[in-house]
Amino acid sequence: MRGFISNDQRVYRYESPFLLQGENDLSLSELRNIFIRQLTGNPQAKYVANNYALEKDKRTISVWRKDGKVLSNDEQSRIDQVLPRIFEMY
């Protein structure tokens, strides 16, 4: 796993060196849209209509379920694959 999960398994965190160095010019809105489209595999997916929240704080990206439930192992794996790929591609 490239990121790490909180002790209560509700929040996945990923630190990107690209965010620290300012090499990635994605706005938070663009980042959210790319994330949800890649996570769901649906190019038409809307961030607000899905059950995941994403926030950026300096170089850390945090993802959690909007309903407050624990992230399943499958969700953790998919998020762990999607987030690093965003920074490799954009």
PDB file of N, CA and C in Angstrom:
ATOM      1  N   MET A   1       0.845  -1.179   0.000  1.00  0.00           N
ATOM      2  CA  MET A   1       0.000   0.000   0.000  1.00  0.00           C
ATOM      3  C   MET A   1       0.889   1.240   0.000  1.00  0.00           C
ATOM      4  N   ARG A   2       0.588   2.150  -0.888  1.00  0.00           N
ATOM      5  CA  ARG A   2       1.392   3.369  -1.004  1.00  0.00           C
ATOM      6  C   ARG A   2       0.972   4.441  -0.005  1.00  0.00           C
ATOM      7  N   GLY A   3      -0.319   4.445   0.329  1.00  0.00           N
ATOM      8  CA  GLY A   3      -0.828   5.386   1.317  1.00  0.00           C
ATOM      9  C   GLY A   3      -0.968   4.675   2.646  1.00  0.00           C
ATOM     10  N   PHE A   4      -1.629   5.321   3.568  1.00  0.00           N
ATOM     11  CA  PHE A   4      -1.866   4.667   4.854  1.00  0.00           C
ATOM     12  C   PHE A   4      -3.293   4.940   5.292  1.00  0.00           C
ATOM     13  N   ILE A   5      -3.806   4.063   6.116  1.00  0.00           N
ATOM     14  CA  ILE A   5      -5.184   4.125   6.585  1.00  0.00           C
ATOM     15  C   ILE A   5      -5.188   4.524   8.054  1.00  0.00           C
ATOM     16  N   SER A   6      -6.174   5.306   8.460  1.00  0.00           N
ATOM     17  CA  SER A   6      -6.261   5.723   9.859  1.00  0.00           C
ATOM     18  C   SER A   6      -6.554   4.515  10.749  1.00  0.00           C
ATOM     19  N   ASN A   7      -6.325   4.672  12.043  1.00  0.00           N
ATOM     20  CA  ASN A   7      -6.542   3.574  12.991  1.00  0.00           C
ATOM     21  C   ASN A   7      -7.977   3.056  12.964  1.00  0.00           C
ATOM     22  N   ASP A   8      -8.943   3.938  12.760  1.00  0.00           N
ATOM     23  CA  ASP A   8     -10.345   3.495  12.727  1.00  0.00           C
ATOM     24  C   ASP A   8     -10.776   3.015  11.332  1.00  0.00           C
ATOM     25  N   GLN A   9      -9.854   3.013  10.382  1.00  0.00           N
ATOM     26  CA  GLN A   9     -10.047   2.546   9.006  1.00  0.00           C
ATOM     27  C   GLN A   9     -11.129   3.322   8.256  1.00  0.00           C
ATOM     28  N   ARG A  10     -11.303   4.576   8.612  1.00  0.00           N
ATOM     29  CA  ARG A  10     -12.297   5.404   7.929  1.00  0.00           C
ATOM     30  C   ARG A  10     -11.670   6.384   6.943  1.00  0.00           C
ATOM     31  N   VAL A  11     -10.387   6.702   7.108  1.00  0.00           N
ATOM     32  CA  VAL A  11      -9.737   7.696   6.257  1.00  0.00           C
ATOM     33  C   VAL A  11      -8.466   7.109   5.658  1.00  0.00           C
ATOM     34  N   TYR A  12      -8.357   7.222   4.322  1.00  0.00           N
ATOM     35  CA  TYR A  12      -7.150   6.822   3.605  1.00  0.00           C
ATOM     36  C   TYR A  12      -6.363   8.098   3.327  1.00  0.00           C
ATOM     37  N   ARG A  13      -5.068   8.081   3.604  1.00  0.00           N
ATOM     38  CA  ARG A  13      -4.220   9.252   3.357  1.00  0.00           C
ATOM     39  C   ARG A  13      -3.071   8.872   2.425  1.00  0.00           C
ATOM     40  N   TYR A  14      -2.806   9.771   1.505  1.00  0.00           N
ATOM     41  CA  TYR A  14      -1.722   9.571   0.540  1.00  0.00           C
ATOM     42  C   TYR A  14      -0.921  10.858   0.456  1.00  0.00           C
ATOM     43  N   GLU A  15       0.405  10.741   0.602  1.00  0.00           N
ATOM     44  CA  GLU A  15       1.271  11.909   0.481  1.00  0.00           C
ATOM     45  C   GLU A  15       1.942  11.868  -0.873  1.00  0.00           C
ATOM     46  N   SER A  16       1.833  12.970  -1.596  1.00  0.00           N
ATOM     47  CA  SER A  16       2.430  13.056  -2.917  1.00  0.00           C
ATOM     48  C   SER A  16       3.572  14.059  -2.923  1.00  0.00           C
ATOM     49  N   PRO A  17       4.741  13.638  -3.364  1.00  0.00           N
ATOM     50  CA  PRO A  17       5.844  14.593  -3.485  1.00  0.00           C
ATOM     51  C   PRO A  17       5.535  15.667  -4.523  1.00  0.00           C
ATOM     52  N   PHE A  18       4.649  15.379  -5.468  1.00  0.00           N
ATOM     53  CA  PHE A  18       4.296  16.365  -6.482  1.00  0.00           C
ATOM     54  C   PHE A  18       3.526  17.528  -5.876  1.00  0.00           C
ATOM     55  N   LEU A  19       2.692  17.251  -4.875  1.00  0.00           N
ATOM     56  CA  LEU A  19       1.974  18.330  -4.209  1.00  0.00           C
ATOM     57  C   LEU A  19       2.929  19.204  -3.414  1.00  0.00           C
ATOM     58  N   LEU A  20       3.919  18.585  -2.798  1.00  0.00           N
ATOM     59  CA  LEU A  20       4.891  19.335  -2.015  1.00  0.00           C
ATOM     60  C   LEU A  20       5.709  20.259  -2.907  1.00  0.00           C
ATOM     61  N   GLN A  21       6.120  19.747  -4.069  1.00  0.00           N
ATOM     62  CA  GLN A  21       6.987  20.508  -4.949  1.00  0.00           C
ATOM     63  C   GLN A  21       6.222  21.476  -5.844  1.00  0.00           C
ATOM     64  N   GLY A  22       4.904  21.379  -5.824  1.00  0.00           N
ATOM     65  CA  GLY A  22       4.108  22.271  -6.644  1.00  0.00           C
ATOM     66  C   GLY A  22       4.164  21.932  -8.122  1.00  0.00           C
ATOM     67  N   GLU A  23       4.557  20.712  -8.457  1.00  0.00           N
ATOM     68  CA  GLU A  23       4.679  20.326  -9.853  1.00  0.00           C
ATOM     69  C   GLU A  23       3.335  19.953 -10.459  1.00  0.00           C
ATOM     70  N   ASN A  24       2.345  19.743  -9.626  1.00  0.00           N
ATOM     71  CA  ASN A  24       1.050  19.335 -10.121  1.00  0.00           C
ATOM     72  C   ASN A  24       0.108  20.527 -10.021  1.00  0.00           C
ATOM     73  N   ASP A  25      -0.405  20.971 -11.162  1.00  0.00           N
ATOM     74  CA  ASP A  25      -1.235  22.179 -11.192  1.00  0.00           C
ATOM     75  C   ASP A  25      -2.732  21.886 -11.146  1.00  0.00           C
ATOM     76  N   LEU A  26      -3.119  20.701 -10.687  1.00  0.00           N
ATOM     77  CA  LEU A  26      -4.542  20.370 -10.619  1.00  0.00           C
ATOM     78  C   LEU A  26      -5.214  21.149  -9.498  1.00  0.00           C
ATOM     79  N   SER A  27      -6.365  21.731  -9.821  1.00  0.00           N
ATOM     80  CA  SER A  27      -7.155  22.357  -8.762  1.00  0.00           C
ATOM     81  C   SER A  27      -7.818  21.247  -7.958  1.00  0.00           C
ATOM     82  N   LEU A  28      -8.345  21.585  -6.797  1.00  0.00           N
ATOM     83  CA  LEU A  28      -9.021  20.589  -5.963  1.00  0.00           C
ATOM     84  C   LEU A  28     -10.226  20.017  -6.705  1.00  0.00           C
ATOM     85  N   SER A  29     -10.934  20.856  -7.409  1.00  0.00           N
ATOM     86  CA  SER A  29     -12.094  20.403  -8.178  1.00  0.00           C
ATOM     87  C   SER A  29     -11.686  19.416  -9.275  1.00  0.00           C
ATOM     88  N   GLU A  30     -10.626  19.730 -10.002  1.00  0.00           N
ATOM     89  CA  GLU A  30     -10.137  18.823 -11.050  1.00  0.00           C
ATOM     90  C   GLU A  30      -9.671  17.505 -10.450  1.00  0.00           C
ATOM     91  N   LEU A  31      -8.954  17.580  -9.335  1.00  0.00           N
ATOM     92  CA  LEU A  31      -8.466  16.387  -8.659  1.00  0.00           C
ATOM     93  C   LEU A  31      -9.627  15.496  -8.224  1.00  0.00           C
ATOM     94  N   ARG A  32     -10.664  16.093  -7.653  1.00  0.00           N
ATOM     95  CA  ARG A  32     -11.828  15.328  -7.223  1.00  0.00           C
ATOM     96  C   ARG A  32     -12.520  14.643  -8.408  1.00  0.00           C
ATOM     97  N   ASN A  33     -12.686  15.373  -9.512  1.00  0.00           N
ATOM     98  CA  ASN A  33     -13.354  14.802 -10.681  1.00  0.00           C
ATOM     99  C   ASN A  33     -12.548  13.656 -11.288  1.00  0.00           C
ATOM    100  N   ILE A  34     -11.264  13.831 -11.431  1.00  0.00           N
ATOM    101  CA  ILE A  34     -10.406  12.765 -11.974  1.00  0.00           C
ATOM    102  C   ILE A  34     -10.455  11.557 -11.050  1.00  0.00           C
ATOM    103  N   PHE A  35     -10.360  11.799  -9.741  1.00  0.00           N
ATOM    104  CA  PHE A  35     -10.364  10.712  -8.770  1.00  0.00           C
ATOM    105  C   PHE A  35     -11.638   9.878  -8.870  1.00  0.00           C
ATOM    106  N   ILE A  36     -12.801  10.518  -8.829  1.00  0.00           N
ATOM    107  CA  ILE A  36     -14.055   9.761  -8.803  1.00  0.00           C
ATOM    108  C   ILE A  36     -14.290   9.049 -10.127  1.00  0.00           C
ATOM    109  N   ARG A  37     -13.891   9.649 -11.229  1.00  0.00           N
ATOM    110  CA  ARG A  37     -14.058   9.000 -12.535  1.00  0.00           C
ATOM    111  C   ARG A  37     -13.176   7.771 -12.652  1.00  0.00           C
ATOM    112  N   GLN A  38     -11.951   7.863 -12.159  1.00  0.00           N
ATOM    113  CA  GLN A  38     -11.069   6.698 -12.218  1.00  0.00           C
ATOM    114  C   GLN A  38     -11.467   5.639 -11.200  1.00  0.00           C
ATOM    115  N   LEU A  39     -11.914   6.046 -10.029  1.00  0.00           N
ATOM    116  CA  LEU A  39     -12.306   5.088  -8.995  1.00  0.00           C
ATOM    117  C   LEU A  39     -13.534   4.280  -9.425  1.00  0.00           C
ATOM    118  N   THR A  40     -14.500   4.954 -10.030  1.00  0.00           N
ATOM    119  CA  THR A  40     -15.719   4.272 -10.442  1.00  0.00           C
ATOM    120  C   THR A  40     -15.602   3.628 -11.815  1.00  0.00           C
ATOM    121  N   GLY A  41     -14.605   4.053 -12.593  1.00  0.00           N
ATOM    122  CA  GLY A  41     -14.466   3.541 -13.950  1.00  0.00           C
ATOM    123  C   GLY A  41     -15.507   4.130 -14.891  1.00  0.00           C
ATOM    124  N   ASN A  42     -16.128   5.219 -14.484  1.00  0.00           N
ATOM    125  CA  ASN A  42     -17.173   5.858 -15.268  1.00  0.00           C
ATOM    126  C   ASN A  42     -16.722   7.266 -15.651  1.00  0.00           C
ATOM    127  N   PRO A  43     -16.460   7.518 -16.940  1.00  0.00           N
ATOM    128  CA  PRO A  43     -15.987   8.847 -17.345  1.00  0.00           C
ATOM    129  C   PRO A  43     -17.016   9.954 -17.160  1.00  0.00           C
ATOM    130  N   GLN A  44     -18.269   9.599 -16.907  1.00  0.00           N
ATOM    131  CA  GLN A  44     -19.318  10.593 -16.696  1.00  0.00           C
ATOM    132  C   GLN A  44     -19.655  10.796 -15.216  1.00  0.00           C
ATOM    133  N   ALA A  45     -18.979  10.094 -14.313  1.00  0.00           N
ATOM    134  CA  ALA A  45     -19.284  10.167 -12.884  1.00  0.00           C
ATOM    135  C   ALA A  45     -19.098  11.587 -12.351  1.00  0.00           C
ATOM    136  N   LYS A  46     -19.955  11.963 -11.453  1.00  0.00           N
ATOM    137  CA  LYS A  46     -19.893  13.280 -10.808  1.00  0.00           C
ATOM    138  C   LYS A  46     -19.449  13.111  -9.366  1.00  0.00           C
ATOM    139  N   TYR A  47     -18.523  13.949  -8.929  1.00  0.00           N
ATOM    140  CA  TYR A  47     -17.986  13.868  -7.565  1.00  0.00           C
ATOM    141  C   TYR A  47     -19.088  14.000  -6.521  1.00  0.00           C
ATOM    142  N   VAL A  48     -19.984  14.959  -6.699  1.00  0.00           N
ATOM    143  CA  VAL A  48     -21.007  15.222  -5.689  1.00  0.00           C
ATOM    144  C   VAL A  48     -22.027  14.097  -5.579  1.00  0.00           C
ATOM    145  N   ALA A  49     -22.167  13.289  -6.621  1.00  0.00           N
ATOM    146  CA  ALA A  49     -23.163  12.224  -6.619  1.00  0.00           C
ATOM    147  C   ALA A  49     -22.625  10.916  -6.038  1.00  0.00           C
ATOM    148  N   ASN A  50     -21.359  10.854  -5.727  1.00  0.00           N
ATOM    149  CA  ASN A  50     -20.766   9.622  -5.213  1.00  0.00           C
ATOM    150  C   ASN A  50     -20.533   9.708  -3.716  1.00  0.00           C
ATOM    151  N   ASN A  51     -20.187   8.578  -3.134  1.00  0.00           N
ATOM    152  CA  ASN A  51     -20.134   8.450  -1.683  1.00  0.00           C
ATOM    153  C   ASN A  51     -18.741   8.661  -1.096  1.00  0.00           C
ATOM    154  N   TYR A  52     -17.859   9.349  -1.800  1.00  0.00           N
ATOM    155  CA  TYR A  52     -16.504   9.563  -1.299  1.00  0.00           C
ATOM    156  C   TYR A  52     -16.200  11.051  -1.221  1.00  0.00           C
ATOM    157  N   ALA A  53     -15.453  11.414  -0.193  1.00  0.00           N
ATOM    158  CA  ALA A  53     -14.997  12.788  -0.040  1.00  0.00           C
ATOM    159  C   ALA A  53     -13.482  12.798  -0.187  1.00  0.00           C
ATOM    160  N   LEU A  54     -12.958  13.850  -0.780  1.00  0.00           N
ATOM    161  CA  LEU A  54     -11.515  13.986  -0.979  1.00  0.00           C
ATOM    162  C   LEU A  54     -11.124  15.399  -0.596  1.00  0.00           C
ATOM    163  N   GLU A  55     -10.101  15.513   0.232  1.00  0.00           N
ATOM    164  CA  GLU A  55      -9.568  16.810   0.624  1.00  0.00           C
ATOM    165  C   GLU A  55      -8.060  16.803   0.451  1.00  0.00           C
ATOM    166  N   LYS A  56      -7.511  17.993   0.226  1.00  0.00           N
ATOM    167  CA  LYS A  56      -6.070  18.148   0.046  1.00  0.00           C
ATOM    168  C   LYS A  56      -5.568  19.125   1.104  1.00  0.00           C
ATOM    169  N   ASP A  57      -4.513  18.736   1.813  1.00  0.00           N
ATOM    170  CA  ASP A  57      -3.883  19.605   2.801  1.00  0.00           C
ATOM    171  C   ASP A  57      -2.382  19.548   2.588  1.00  0.00           C
ATOM    172  N   LYS A  58      -1.827  20.623   2.052  1.00  0.00           N
ATOM    173  CA  LYS A  58      -0.419  20.677   1.675  1.00  0.00           C
ATOM    174  C   LYS A  58      -0.109  19.527   0.735  1.00  0.00           C
ATOM    175  N   ARG A  59       0.655  18.525   1.147  1.00  0.00           N
ATOM    176  CA  ARG A  59       0.984  17.436   0.227  1.00  0.00           C
ATOM    177  C   ARG A  59       0.223  16.150   0.518  1.00  0.00           C
ATOM    178  N   THR A  60      -0.765  16.215   1.394  1.00  0.00           N
ATOM    179  CA  THR A  60      -1.518  15.023   1.769  1.00  0.00           C
ATOM    180  C   THR A  60      -2.926  15.062   1.184  1.00  0.00           C
ATOM    181  N   ILE A  61      -3.321  13.954   0.573  1.00  0.00           N
ATOM    182  CA  ILE A  61      -4.677  13.765   0.074  1.00  0.00           C
ATOM    183  C   ILE A  61      -5.373  12.815   1.045  1.00  0.00           C
ATOM    184  N   SER A  62      -6.557  13.181   1.502  1.00  0.00           N
ATOM    185  CA  SER A  62      -7.347  12.326   2.388  1.00  0.00           C
ATOM    186  C   SER A  62      -8.650  11.960   1.689  1.00  0.00           C
ATOM    187  N   VAL A  63      -9.017  10.676   1.786  1.00  0.00           N
ATOM    188  CA  VAL A  63     -10.250  10.176   1.176  1.00  0.00           C
ATOM    189  C   VAL A  63     -11.023   9.406   2.237  1.00  0.00           C
ATOM    190  N   TRP A  64     -12.335   9.633   2.296  1.00  0.00           N
ATOM    191  CA  TRP A  64     -13.182   8.891   3.221  1.00  0.00           C
ATOM    192  C   TRP A  64     -14.574   8.778   2.623  1.00  0.00           C
ATOM    193  N   ARG A  65     -15.362   7.892   3.202  1.00  0.00           N
ATOM    194  CA  ARG A  65     -16.755   7.725   2.775  1.00  0.00           C
ATOM    195  C   ARG A  65     -17.598   8.828   3.415  1.00  0.00           C
ATOM    196  N   LYS A  66     -18.461   9.432   2.642  1.00  0.00           N
ATOM    197  CA  LYS A  66     -19.315  10.506   3.158  1.00  0.00           C
ATOM    198  C   LYS A  66     -20.286  10.010   4.220  1.00  0.00           C
ATOM    199  N   ASP A  67     -20.633   8.727   4.168  1.00  0.00           N
ATOM    200  CA  ASP A  67     -21.572   8.183   5.151  1.00  0.00           C
ATOM    201  C   ASP A  67     -20.885   7.786   6.463  1.00  0.00           C
ATOM    202  N   GLY A  68     -19.572   7.953   6.545  1.00  0.00           N
ATOM    203  CA  GLY A  68     -18.840   7.686   7.776  1.00  0.00           C
ATOM    204  C   GLY A  68     -18.494   6.231   8.022  1.00  0.00           C
ATOM    205  N   LYS A  69     -18.828   5.354   7.092  1.00  0.00           N
ATOM    206  CA  LYS A  69     -18.545   3.932   7.272  1.00  0.00           C
ATOM    207  C   LYS A  69     -17.059   3.642   7.061  1.00  0.00           C
ATOM    208  N   VAL A  70     -16.636   2.497   7.576  1.00  0.00           N
ATOM    209  CA  VAL A  70     -15.250   2.033   7.429  1.00  0.00           C
ATOM    210  C   VAL A  70     -14.994   1.710   5.959  1.00  0.00           C
ATOM    211  N   LEU A  71     -13.797   2.055   5.470  1.00  0.00           N
ATOM    212  CA  LEU A  71     -13.408   1.698   4.102  1.00  0.00           C
ATOM    213  C   LEU A  71     -13.097   0.208   4.046  1.00  0.00           C
ATOM    214  N   SER A  72     -13.734  -0.501   3.136  1.00  0.00           N
ATOM    215  CA  SER A  72     -13.469  -1.933   2.991  1.00  0.00           C
ATOM    216  C   SER A  72     -12.072  -2.148   2.411  1.00  0.00           C
ATOM    217  N   ASN A  73     -11.565  -3.369   2.520  1.00  0.00           N
ATOM    218  CA  ASN A  73     -10.249  -3.685   1.946  1.00  0.00           C
ATOM    219  C   ASN A  73     -10.247  -3.442   0.446  1.00  0.00           C
ATOM    220  N   ASP A  74     -11.352  -3.762  -0.218  1.00  0.00           N
ATOM    221  CA  ASP A  74     -11.465  -3.535  -1.657  1.00  0.00           C
ATOM    222  C   ASP A  74     -11.403  -2.044  -1.980  1.00  0.00           C
ATOM    223  N   GLU A  75     -12.115  -1.228  -1.216  1.00  0.00           N
ATOM    224  CA  GLU A  75     -12.084   0.224  -1.422  1.00  0.00           C
ATOM    225  C   GLU A  75     -10.680   0.773  -1.179  1.00  0.00           C
ATOM    226  N   GLN A  76     -10.030   0.298  -0.122  1.00  0.00           N
ATOM    227  CA  GLN A  76      -8.671   0.752   0.169  1.00  0.00           C
ATOM    228  C   GLN A  76      -7.736   0.419  -0.985  1.00  0.00           C
ATOM    229  N   SER A  77      -7.856  -0.783  -1.532  1.00  0.00           N
ATOM    230  CA  SER A  77      -7.003  -1.206  -2.651  1.00  0.00           C
ATOM    231  C   SER A  77      -7.254  -0.356  -3.887  1.00  0.00           C
ATOM    232  N   ARG A  78      -8.525  -0.127  -4.200  1.00  0.00           N
ATOM    233  CA  ARG A  78      -8.844   0.685  -5.386  1.00  0.00           C
ATOM    234  C   ARG A  78      -8.340   2.116  -5.226  1.00  0.00           C
ATOM    235  N   ILE A  79      -8.537   2.703  -4.055  1.00  0.00           N
ATOM    236  CA  ILE A  79      -8.054   4.069  -3.804  1.00  0.00           C
ATOM    237  C   ILE A  79      -6.538   4.101  -3.904  1.00  0.00           C
ATOM    238  N   ASP A  80      -5.879   3.081  -3.359  1.00  0.00           N
ATOM    239  CA  ASP A  80      -4.417   3.000  -3.375  1.00  0.00           C
ATOM    240  C   ASP A  80      -3.867   2.874  -4.796  1.00  0.00           C
ATOM    241  N   GLN A  81      -4.641   2.327  -5.690  1.00  0.00           N
ATOM    242  CA  GLN A  81      -4.217   2.219  -7.085  1.00  0.00           C
ATOM    243  C   GLN A  81      -4.504   3.511  -7.850  1.00  0.00           C
ATOM    244  N   VAL A  82      -5.637   4.139  -7.566  1.00  0.00           N
ATOM    245  CA  VAL A  82      -6.087   5.301  -8.327  1.00  0.00           C
ATOM    246  C   VAL A  82      -5.289   6.564  -8.011  1.00  0.00           C
ATOM    247  N   LEU A  83      -5.103   6.891  -6.745  1.00  0.00           N
ATOM    248  CA  LEU A  83      -4.454   8.164  -6.396  1.00  0.00           C
ATOM    249  C   LEU A  83      -3.041   8.307  -6.957  1.00  0.00           C
ATOM    250  N   PRO A  84      -2.142   7.341  -6.755  1.00  0.00           N
ATOM    251  CA  PRO A  84      -0.798   7.517  -7.328  1.00  0.00           C
ATOM    252  C   PRO A  84      -0.826   7.635  -8.853  1.00  0.00           C
ATOM    253  N   ARG A  85      -1.743   6.907  -9.491  1.00  0.00           N
ATOM    254  CA  ARG A  85      -1.840   6.951 -10.957  1.00  0.00           C
ATOM    255  C   ARG A  85      -2.216   8.349 -11.445  1.00  0.00           C
ATOM    256  N   ILE A  86      -3.035   9.056 -10.686  1.00  0.00           N
ATOM    257  CA  ILE A  86      -3.419  10.424 -11.072  1.00  0.00           C
ATOM    258  C   ILE A  86      -2.179  11.294 -11.205  1.00  0.00           C
ATOM    259  N   PHE A  87      -1.262  11.157 -10.252  1.00  0.00           N
ATOM    260  CA  PHE A  87      -0.074  12.016 -10.275  1.00  0.00           C
ATOM    261  C   PHE A  87       0.958  11.555 -11.295  1.00  0.00           C
ATOM    262  N   GLU A  88       0.876  10.298 -11.716  1.00  0.00           N
ATOM    263  CA  GLU A  88       1.747   9.830 -12.784  1.00  0.00           C
ATOM    264  C   GLU A  88       1.250  10.291 -14.146  1.00  0.00           C
ATOM    265  N   MET A  89      -0.074  10.444 -14.275  1.00  0.00           N
ATOM    266  CA  MET A  89      -0.682  10.754 -15.566  1.00  0.00           C
ATOM    267  C   MET A  89      -0.901  12.246 -15.820  1.00  0.00           C
ATOM    268  N   TYR A  90      -1.101  13.040 -14.769  1.00  0.00           N
ATOM    269  CA  TYR A  90      -1.483  14.441 -14.983  1.00  0.00           C
ATOM    270  C   TYR A  90      -0.396  15.386 -14.527  1.00  0.00           C
TER     271      TYR A  90
END
